[in-house]
Amino acid sequence: MSIYLERYAHYKHALIEEKPSSDLFMSIVIPCYNEPDITSTLNSISNCKKPEKGVEVIIIVNNSETASNEIINQNKKTISEIEKFKSKNEMPFVPTIHIIQELCLPKKHAGVGLARKIGMDEAVRRNPDGIIICLDADSLVEENYLVEIEKHCINFPN
């Protein structure tokens, strides 16, 4: 994976300073653009049964350098909502949540694909042998979602 990161990663350096947990197994990557209700997705994840191994969520709040003030303001509001969720959430299972702010991506390349790539590159950098799960910012998951992915990946490692 280090060769991939050296050659193809959007950024050649880590974007998340915090060290990953020693038991990190799954990284959930969520691109987020002009999303008014990210907390529903975070609540959905937090309502999952707790898997045996570690889980983190990487949210890439993004817009292009030519985004309207309305989108920029919504993205700033979304970042604030995620921070509030992180600080006040008292659910039984809340994975580690990281926010990557990409609020001025080049117009030519901006979009969900680049945002997802940035998040996936960071997930690989943090845990090269881990599992990357991609969700959309408006996705909801069932309570067995994470334990079933974990079980499948452990039972079928290849």
N, C-alpha and C. Protein backbone atom coordinates (compact mmCIF):
# COMPACT_ATOMS: atom_id res chain seq x y z
N MET A 1 0.81 -1.19 0.00
CA MET A 1 0.00 0.00 0.00
C MET A 1 0.86 1.26 0.00
N SER A 2 2.05 1.18 0.54
CA SER A 2 2.90 2.37 0.56
C SER A 2 3.25 2.81 -0.87
N ILE A 3 3.42 1.86 -1.79
CA ILE A 3 3.69 2.22 -3.18
C ILE A 3 2.48 2.93 -3.77
N TYR A 4 1.28 2.42 -3.50
CA TYR A 4 0.07 3.08 -3.97
C TYR A 4 0.01 4.51 -3.45
N LEU A 5 0.23 4.68 -2.15
CA LEU A 5 0.14 6.01 -1.56
C LEU A 5 1.18 6.96 -2.15
N GLU A 6 2.39 6.45 -2.36
CA GLU A 6 3.45 7.28 -2.94
C GLU A 6 3.09 7.73 -4.35
N ARG A 7 2.51 6.84 -5.13
CA ARG A 7 2.25 7.14 -6.54
C ARG A 7 0.90 7.81 -6.80
N TYR A 8 -0.13 7.39 -6.08
CA TYR A 8 -1.48 7.76 -6.48
C TYR A 8 -2.31 8.54 -5.47
N ALA A 9 -1.85 8.64 -4.24
CA ALA A 9 -2.64 9.35 -3.24
C ALA A 9 -2.79 10.82 -3.62
N HIS A 10 -3.94 11.39 -3.35
CA HIS A 10 -4.17 12.80 -3.64
C HIS A 10 -3.21 13.67 -2.84
N TYR A 11 -3.03 13.32 -1.57
CA TYR A 11 -2.07 14.01 -0.71
C TYR A 11 -0.99 13.02 -0.31
N LYS A 12 0.23 13.50 -0.23
CA LYS A 12 1.36 12.63 0.12
C LYS A 12 1.61 12.61 1.63
N HIS A 13 0.76 13.27 2.39
CA HIS A 13 0.92 13.34 3.84
C HIS A 13 -0.42 13.01 4.52
N ALA A 14 -0.32 12.64 5.78
CA ALA A 14 -1.53 12.32 6.56
C ALA A 14 -2.35 13.59 6.80
N LEU A 15 -3.64 13.43 6.77
CA LEU A 15 -4.56 14.54 7.04
C LEU A 15 -5.12 14.48 8.45
N ILE A 16 -5.06 13.32 9.06
CA ILE A 16 -5.55 13.13 10.43
C ILE A 16 -4.33 12.92 11.33
N GLU A 17 -4.16 13.82 12.26
CA GLU A 17 -2.99 13.76 13.15
C GLU A 17 -3.12 12.68 14.22
N GLU A 18 -4.32 12.47 14.69
CA GLU A 18 -4.55 11.50 15.77
C GLU A 18 -4.16 10.09 15.30
N LYS A 19 -3.44 9.39 16.14
CA LYS A 19 -3.03 8.02 15.82
C LYS A 19 -4.26 7.11 15.81
N PRO A 20 -4.28 6.13 14.90
CA PRO A 20 -5.41 5.19 14.90
C PRO A 20 -5.35 4.28 16.14
N SER A 21 -6.51 3.79 16.56
CA SER A 21 -6.54 2.88 17.70
C SER A 21 -5.80 1.60 17.31
N SER A 22 -5.26 0.93 18.29
CA SER A 22 -4.46 -0.28 18.02
C SER A 22 -5.31 -1.42 17.46
N ASP A 23 -6.62 -1.38 17.69
CA ASP A 23 -7.48 -2.46 17.18
C ASP A 23 -8.31 -2.03 15.96
N LEU A 24 -7.91 -0.92 15.32
CA LEU A 24 -8.68 -0.42 14.17
C LEU A 24 -8.78 -1.49 13.09
N PHE A 25 -10.02 -1.75 12.68
CA PHE A 25 -10.29 -2.77 11.66
C PHE A 25 -11.08 -2.20 10.50
N MET A 26 -12.05 -1.33 10.80
CA MET A 26 -12.92 -0.79 9.76
C MET A 26 -12.90 0.73 9.77
N SER A 27 -12.76 1.31 8.58
CA SER A 27 -12.87 2.76 8.40
C SER A 27 -14.07 3.02 7.50
N ILE A 28 -14.98 3.83 7.99
CA ILE A 28 -16.16 4.21 7.22
C ILE A 28 -15.88 5.58 6.61
N VAL A 29 -15.85 5.64 5.28
CA VAL A 29 -15.54 6.88 4.57
C VAL A 29 -16.85 7.48 4.04
N ILE A 30 -17.08 8.75 4.40
CA ILE A 30 -18.32 9.42 4.01
C ILE A 30 -17.99 10.77 3.39
N PRO A 31 -18.12 10.89 2.04
CA PRO A 31 -18.02 12.22 1.44
C PRO A 31 -19.28 13.01 1.79
N CYS A 32 -19.12 14.28 2.06
CA CYS A 32 -20.26 15.08 2.52
C CYS A 32 -20.22 16.44 1.83
N TYR A 33 -21.21 16.68 0.99
CA TYR A 33 -21.31 17.93 0.23
C TYR A 33 -22.73 18.47 0.37
N ASN A 34 -22.83 19.65 0.93
CA ASN A 34 -24.13 20.32 1.03
C ASN A 34 -25.18 19.40 1.67
N GLU A 35 -24.81 18.79 2.77
CA GLU A 35 -25.66 17.78 3.41
C GLU A 35 -26.29 18.35 4.69
N PRO A 36 -27.60 18.54 4.70
CA PRO A 36 -28.24 19.15 5.86
C PRO A 36 -28.52 18.21 7.03
N ASP A 37 -28.31 16.90 6.87
CA ASP A 37 -28.71 15.99 7.95
C ASP A 37 -27.71 14.85 8.16
N ILE A 38 -26.45 15.19 8.31
CA ILE A 38 -25.42 14.18 8.53
C ILE A 38 -25.63 13.46 9.86
N THR A 39 -26.28 14.10 10.82
CA THR A 39 -26.45 13.46 12.12
C THR A 39 -27.33 12.22 12.05
N SER A 40 -28.26 12.16 11.10
CA SER A 40 -29.05 10.94 10.95
C SER A 40 -28.16 9.76 10.57
N THR A 41 -27.21 9.99 9.70
CA THR A 41 -26.27 8.94 9.32
C THR A 41 -25.40 8.55 10.51
N LEU A 42 -24.90 9.54 11.24
CA LEU A 42 -24.06 9.25 12.41
C LEU A 42 -24.85 8.52 13.49
N ASN A 43 -26.09 8.91 13.71
CA ASN A 43 -26.94 8.19 14.67
C ASN A 43 -27.15 6.75 14.23
N SER A 44 -27.36 6.55 12.94
CA SER A 44 -27.56 5.21 12.40
C SER A 44 -26.34 4.33 12.67
N ILE A 45 -25.15 4.87 12.43
CA ILE A 45 -23.92 4.12 12.70
C ILE A 45 -23.78 3.85 14.20
N SER A 46 -24.05 4.86 15.00
CA SER A 46 -23.91 4.72 16.46
C SER A 46 -24.92 3.76 17.06
N ASN A 47 -26.03 3.53 16.37
CA ASN A 47 -27.03 2.58 16.85
C ASN A 47 -26.70 1.14 16.46
N CYS A 48 -25.60 0.97 15.76
CA CYS A 48 -25.19 -0.39 15.39
C CYS A 48 -24.71 -1.15 16.62
N LYS A 49 -24.83 -2.47 16.53
CA LYS A 49 -24.20 -3.31 17.55
C LYS A 49 -22.70 -3.10 17.44
N LYS A 50 -22.05 -3.08 18.60
CA LYS A 50 -20.62 -2.81 18.63
C LYS A 50 -19.84 -4.02 18.12
N PRO A 51 -19.02 -3.82 17.08
CA PRO A 51 -18.18 -4.93 16.61
C PRO A 51 -17.05 -5.20 17.60
N GLU A 52 -16.41 -6.35 17.43
CA GLU A 52 -15.30 -6.73 18.32
C GLU A 52 -14.09 -5.81 18.14
N LYS A 53 -13.83 -5.41 16.90
CA LYS A 53 -12.65 -4.62 16.59
C LYS A 53 -13.03 -3.16 16.38
N GLY A 54 -12.01 -2.31 16.30
CA GLY A 54 -12.20 -0.87 16.23
C GLY A 54 -12.78 -0.37 14.92
N VAL A 55 -13.54 0.72 15.04
CA VAL A 55 -14.19 1.36 13.91
C VAL A 55 -13.93 2.86 14.00
N GLU A 56 -13.66 3.47 12.85
CA GLU A 56 -13.58 4.92 12.79
C GLU A 56 -14.38 5.41 11.59
N VAL A 57 -14.84 6.64 11.69
CA VAL A 57 -15.58 7.27 10.61
C VAL A 57 -14.75 8.46 10.13
N ILE A 58 -14.54 8.52 8.82
CA ILE A 58 -13.81 9.63 8.21
C ILE A 58 -14.80 10.37 7.30
N ILE A 59 -15.14 11.60 7.68
CA ILE A 59 -16.10 12.40 6.92
C ILE A 59 -15.32 13.48 6.17
N ILE A 60 -15.50 13.53 4.87
CA ILE A 60 -14.82 14.52 4.05
C ILE A 60 -15.85 15.56 3.62
N VAL A 61 -15.90 16.67 4.36
CA VAL A 61 -16.81 17.76 4.02
C VAL A 61 -16.11 18.55 2.92
N ASN A 62 -16.78 18.65 1.76
CA ASN A 62 -16.08 19.19 0.59
C ASN A 62 -16.95 20.08 -0.26
N ASN A 63 -16.27 20.99 -0.96
CA ASN A 63 -16.88 21.77 -2.03
C ASN A 63 -15.77 22.31 -2.92
N SER A 64 -16.16 22.80 -4.09
CA SER A 64 -15.18 23.33 -5.02
C SER A 64 -14.84 24.77 -4.68
N GLU A 65 -13.79 25.24 -5.30
CA GLU A 65 -13.37 26.62 -5.11
C GLU A 65 -14.40 27.62 -5.64
N THR A 66 -15.32 27.15 -6.45
CA THR A 66 -16.35 28.03 -7.03
C THR A 66 -17.73 27.81 -6.40
N ALA A 67 -17.78 27.14 -5.26
CA ALA A 67 -19.06 26.85 -4.61
C ALA A 67 -19.76 28.14 -4.21
N SER A 68 -21.09 28.09 -4.22
CA SER A 68 -21.88 29.25 -3.81
C SER A 68 -21.77 29.46 -2.30
N ASN A 69 -22.09 30.65 -1.87
CA ASN A 69 -22.10 30.95 -0.43
C ASN A 69 -23.07 30.04 0.31
N GLU A 70 -24.17 29.69 -0.32
CA GLU A 70 -25.16 28.81 0.30
C GLU A 70 -24.53 27.45 0.63
N ILE A 71 -23.80 26.89 -0.32
CA ILE A 71 -23.16 25.58 -0.09
C ILE A 71 -22.04 25.70 0.94
N ILE A 72 -21.24 26.72 0.85
CA ILE A 72 -20.16 26.92 1.82
C ILE A 72 -20.75 27.05 3.22
N ASN A 73 -21.81 27.82 3.36
CA ASN A 73 -22.44 27.98 4.68
C ASN A 73 -23.04 26.68 5.19
N GLN A 74 -23.66 25.90 4.30
CA GLN A 74 -24.20 24.61 4.72
C GLN A 74 -23.08 23.68 5.16
N ASN A 75 -21.97 23.66 4.43
CA ASN A 75 -20.85 22.81 4.82
C ASN A 75 -20.29 23.22 6.18
N LYS A 76 -20.20 24.51 6.44
CA LYS A 76 -19.73 24.98 7.75
C LYS A 76 -20.70 24.56 8.85
N LYS A 77 -21.99 24.64 8.56
CA LYS A 77 -23.01 24.20 9.51
C LYS A 77 -22.88 22.69 9.76
N THR A 78 -22.64 21.94 8.71
CA THR A 78 -22.47 20.49 8.83
C THR A 78 -21.27 20.16 9.72
N ILE A 79 -20.17 20.85 9.52
CA ILE A 79 -18.98 20.63 10.36
C ILE A 79 -19.32 20.89 11.81
N SER A 80 -20.04 21.96 12.08
CA SER A 80 -20.46 22.29 13.44
C SER A 80 -21.36 21.18 14.02
N GLU A 81 -22.28 20.67 13.20
CA GLU A 81 -23.17 19.59 13.66
C GLU A 81 -22.38 18.31 13.98
N ILE A 82 -21.39 18.00 13.18
CA ILE A 82 -20.56 16.82 13.45
C ILE A 82 -19.80 17.01 14.75
N GLU A 83 -19.21 18.18 14.94
CA GLU A 83 -18.48 18.46 16.19
C GLU A 83 -19.40 18.35 17.40
N LYS A 84 -20.60 18.87 17.27
CA LYS A 84 -21.58 18.79 18.36
C LYS A 84 -21.93 17.33 18.64
N PHE A 85 -22.15 16.55 17.59
CA PHE A 85 -22.44 15.13 17.73
C PHE A 85 -21.31 14.42 18.47
N LYS A 86 -20.09 14.72 18.08
CA LYS A 86 -18.93 14.09 18.71
C LYS A 86 -18.84 14.41 20.20
N SER A 87 -19.15 15.64 20.56
CA SER A 87 -18.97 16.07 21.95
C SER A 87 -20.13 15.70 22.87
N LYS A 88 -21.34 15.56 22.32
CA LYS A 88 -22.50 15.36 23.18
C LYS A 88 -23.12 13.98 23.07
N ASN A 89 -22.63 13.16 22.20
CA ASN A 89 -23.28 11.88 21.98
C ASN A 89 -23.03 10.93 23.13
N GLU A 90 -24.09 10.35 23.65
CA GLU A 90 -23.99 9.43 24.78
C GLU A 90 -24.57 8.07 24.43
N MET A 91 -24.45 7.68 23.19
CA MET A 91 -24.95 6.38 22.76
C MET A 91 -23.98 5.29 23.20
N PRO A 92 -24.45 4.04 23.25
CA PRO A 92 -23.59 2.96 23.72
C PRO A 92 -22.36 2.72 22.83
N PHE A 93 -22.50 2.93 21.54
CA PHE A 93 -21.39 2.71 20.63
C PHE A 93 -21.24 3.93 19.73
N VAL A 94 -20.16 4.65 19.91
CA VAL A 94 -19.85 5.76 19.03
C VAL A 94 -18.42 5.58 18.54
N PRO A 95 -18.25 5.28 17.27
CA PRO A 95 -16.89 5.11 16.77
C PRO A 95 -16.15 6.45 16.77
N THR A 96 -14.85 6.39 16.64
CA THR A 96 -14.06 7.60 16.49
C THR A 96 -14.48 8.29 15.20
N ILE A 97 -14.69 9.59 15.26
CA ILE A 97 -15.13 10.35 14.10
C ILE A 97 -14.08 11.41 13.78
N HIS A 98 -13.65 11.42 12.52
CA HIS A 98 -12.69 12.42 12.04
C HIS A 98 -13.36 13.24 10.95
N ILE A 99 -13.03 14.52 10.92
CA ILE A 99 -13.54 15.40 9.86
C ILE A 99 -12.35 15.90 9.04
N ILE A 100 -12.43 15.70 7.75
CA ILE A 100 -11.46 16.29 6.83
C ILE A 100 -12.20 17.40 6.09
N GLN A 101 -11.68 18.60 6.19
CA GLN A 101 -12.33 19.74 5.54
C GLN A 101 -11.61 20.05 4.23
N GLU A 102 -12.32 19.85 3.15
CA GLU A 102 -11.80 20.15 1.81
C GLU A 102 -12.75 21.16 1.19
N LEU A 103 -12.61 22.41 1.61
CA LEU A 103 -13.59 23.43 1.28
C LEU A 103 -13.16 24.33 0.12
N CYS A 104 -12.17 23.88 -0.64
CA CYS A 104 -11.72 24.68 -1.78
C CYS A 104 -11.05 23.78 -2.82
N LEU A 105 -11.70 22.69 -3.18
CA LEU A 105 -11.13 21.77 -4.16
C LEU A 105 -11.15 22.42 -5.55
N PRO A 106 -10.15 22.09 -6.37
CA PRO A 106 -10.14 22.65 -7.73
C PRO A 106 -11.41 22.27 -8.49
N LYS A 107 -12.02 23.25 -9.13
CA LYS A 107 -13.29 23.05 -9.82
C LYS A 107 -13.24 21.86 -10.78
N LYS A 108 -12.14 21.73 -11.48
CA LYS A 108 -12.01 20.68 -12.51
C LYS A 108 -12.14 19.28 -11.91
N HIS A 109 -11.69 19.09 -10.67
CA HIS A 109 -11.66 17.75 -10.08
C HIS A 109 -12.63 17.56 -8.91
N ALA A 110 -13.22 18.64 -8.44
CA ALA A 110 -14.09 18.57 -7.26
C ALA A 110 -15.28 17.66 -7.53
N GLY A 111 -15.73 17.00 -6.48
CA GLY A 111 -16.90 16.15 -6.58
C GLY A 111 -16.79 14.97 -5.63
N VAL A 112 -17.82 14.14 -5.65
CA VAL A 112 -17.89 13.02 -4.73
C VAL A 112 -16.74 12.03 -4.94
N GLY A 113 -16.32 11.85 -6.18
CA GLY A 113 -15.24 10.90 -6.45
C GLY A 113 -13.94 11.31 -5.80
N LEU A 114 -13.56 12.57 -5.95
CA LEU A 114 -12.32 13.04 -5.33
C LEU A 114 -12.44 13.03 -3.81
N ALA A 115 -13.58 13.46 -3.29
CA ALA A 115 -13.77 13.45 -1.84
C ALA A 115 -13.64 12.03 -1.28
N ARG A 116 -14.27 11.07 -1.94
CA ARG A 116 -14.20 9.68 -1.49
C ARG A 116 -12.76 9.17 -1.59
N LYS A 117 -12.06 9.52 -2.66
CA LYS A 117 -10.66 9.10 -2.81
C LYS A 117 -9.79 9.66 -1.69
N ILE A 118 -9.98 10.93 -1.36
CA ILE A 118 -9.21 11.54 -0.27
C ILE A 118 -9.45 10.76 1.03
N GLY A 119 -10.70 10.44 1.31
CA GLY A 119 -11.02 9.68 2.52
C GLY A 119 -10.47 8.27 2.49
N MET A 120 -10.57 7.62 1.35
CA MET A 120 -10.06 6.25 1.24
C MET A 120 -8.54 6.22 1.31
N ASP A 121 -7.87 7.19 0.71
CA ASP A 121 -6.41 7.29 0.85
C ASP A 121 -6.03 7.42 2.32
N GLU A 122 -6.77 8.24 3.04
CA GLU A 122 -6.47 8.43 4.47
C GLU A 122 -6.74 7.15 5.25
N ALA A 123 -7.80 6.43 4.91
CA ALA A 123 -8.09 5.16 5.59
C ALA A 123 -6.97 4.16 5.34
N VAL A 124 -6.47 4.09 4.13
CA VAL A 124 -5.36 3.18 3.82
C VAL A 124 -4.11 3.60 4.58
N ARG A 125 -3.85 4.89 4.63
CA ARG A 125 -2.68 5.40 5.34
C ARG A 125 -2.76 5.04 6.82
N ARG A 126 -3.95 5.08 7.39
CA ARG A 126 -4.12 4.82 8.82
C ARG A 126 -4.14 3.34 9.16
N ASN A 127 -4.58 2.51 8.22
CA ASN A 127 -4.70 1.08 8.50
C ASN A 127 -4.62 0.30 7.18
N PRO A 128 -3.41 0.06 6.68
CA PRO A 128 -3.25 -0.57 5.36
C PRO A 128 -3.89 -1.95 5.23
N ASP A 129 -4.08 -2.65 6.34
CA ASP A 129 -4.67 -3.99 6.28
C ASP A 129 -6.14 -4.00 6.67
N GLY A 130 -6.72 -2.83 6.87
CA GLY A 130 -8.09 -2.74 7.35
C GLY A 130 -9.12 -2.79 6.23
N ILE A 131 -10.35 -2.69 6.64
CA ILE A 131 -11.50 -2.71 5.75
C ILE A 131 -11.98 -1.28 5.57
N ILE A 132 -12.26 -0.90 4.32
CA ILE A 132 -12.83 0.42 4.04
C ILE A 132 -14.28 0.23 3.62
N ILE A 133 -15.14 0.93 4.32
CA ILE A 133 -16.58 0.91 4.03
C ILE A 133 -16.94 2.29 3.51
N CYS A 134 -17.62 2.35 2.38
CA CYS A 134 -18.04 3.64 1.83
C CYS A 134 -19.54 3.81 2.03
N LEU A 135 -19.90 4.95 2.57
CA LEU A 135 -21.30 5.32 2.74
C LEU A 135 -21.51 6.70 2.14
N ASP A 136 -22.74 7.03 1.84
CA ASP A 136 -23.10 8.39 1.47
C ASP A 136 -23.57 9.12 2.71
N ALA A 137 -23.55 10.42 2.66
CA ALA A 137 -23.89 11.23 3.83
C ALA A 137 -25.36 11.16 4.22
N ASP A 138 -26.17 10.57 3.36
CA ASP A 138 -27.59 10.40 3.69
C ASP A 138 -27.97 8.93 3.83
N SER A 139 -26.97 8.06 4.00
CA SER A 139 -27.24 6.62 4.16
C SER A 139 -27.60 6.29 5.59
N LEU A 140 -28.49 5.34 5.73
CA LEU A 140 -28.84 4.79 7.03
C LEU A 140 -28.52 3.30 6.99
N VAL A 141 -28.06 2.76 8.11
CA VAL A 141 -27.69 1.34 8.15
C VAL A 141 -28.47 0.63 9.24
N GLU A 142 -28.61 -0.67 9.07
CA GLU A 142 -29.28 -1.50 10.07
C GLU A 142 -28.34 -1.74 11.26
N GLU A 143 -28.89 -2.14 12.39
CA GLU A 143 -28.07 -2.30 13.60
C GLU A 143 -27.03 -3.41 13.48
N ASN A 144 -27.22 -4.36 12.58
CA ASN A 144 -26.24 -5.45 12.43
C ASN A 144 -25.20 -5.16 11.35
N TYR A 145 -25.25 -3.99 10.76
CA TYR A 145 -24.40 -3.64 9.62
C TYR A 145 -22.91 -3.89 9.88
N LEU A 146 -22.38 -3.33 10.94
CA LEU A 146 -20.95 -3.43 11.20
C LEU A 146 -20.53 -4.82 11.66
N VAL A 147 -21.33 -5.46 12.51
CA VAL A 147 -20.94 -6.80 12.98
C VAL A 147 -20.98 -7.81 11.84
N GLU A 148 -21.90 -7.63 10.91
CA GLU A 148 -21.97 -8.55 9.77
C GLU A 148 -20.80 -8.34 8.81
N ILE A 149 -20.42 -7.10 8.58
CA ILE A 149 -19.23 -6.84 7.75
C ILE A 149 -18.00 -7.42 8.42
N GLU A 150 -17.85 -7.18 9.71
CA GLU A 150 -16.71 -7.71 10.45
C GLU A 150 -16.67 -9.23 10.37
N LYS A 151 -17.80 -9.87 10.63
CA LYS A 151 -17.87 -11.33 10.60
C LYS A 151 -17.49 -11.86 9.21
N HIS A 152 -18.05 -11.27 8.19
CA HIS A 152 -17.75 -11.72 6.83
C HIS A 152 -16.26 -11.58 6.51
N CYS A 153 -15.68 -10.46 6.86
CA CYS A 153 -14.26 -10.22 6.55
C CYS A 153 -13.33 -11.12 7.35
N ILE A 154 -13.73 -11.49 8.54
CA ILE A 154 -12.92 -12.41 9.34
C ILE A 154 -13.07 -13.83 8.80
N ASN A 155 -14.29 -14.22 8.43
CA ASN A 155 -14.52 -15.56 7.90
C ASN A 155 -13.97 -15.76 6.49
N PHE A 156 -13.90 -14.69 5.71
CA PHE A 156 -13.41 -14.75 4.34
C PHE A 156 -12.34 -13.67 4.14
N PRO A 157 -11.16 -13.84 4.70
CA PRO A 157 -10.15 -12.78 4.69
C PRO A 157 -9.64 -12.40 3.30
N ASN A 158 -9.79 -13.25 2.33
CA ASN A 158 -9.31 -12.90 0.99
C ASN A 158 -10.37 -12.21 0.19
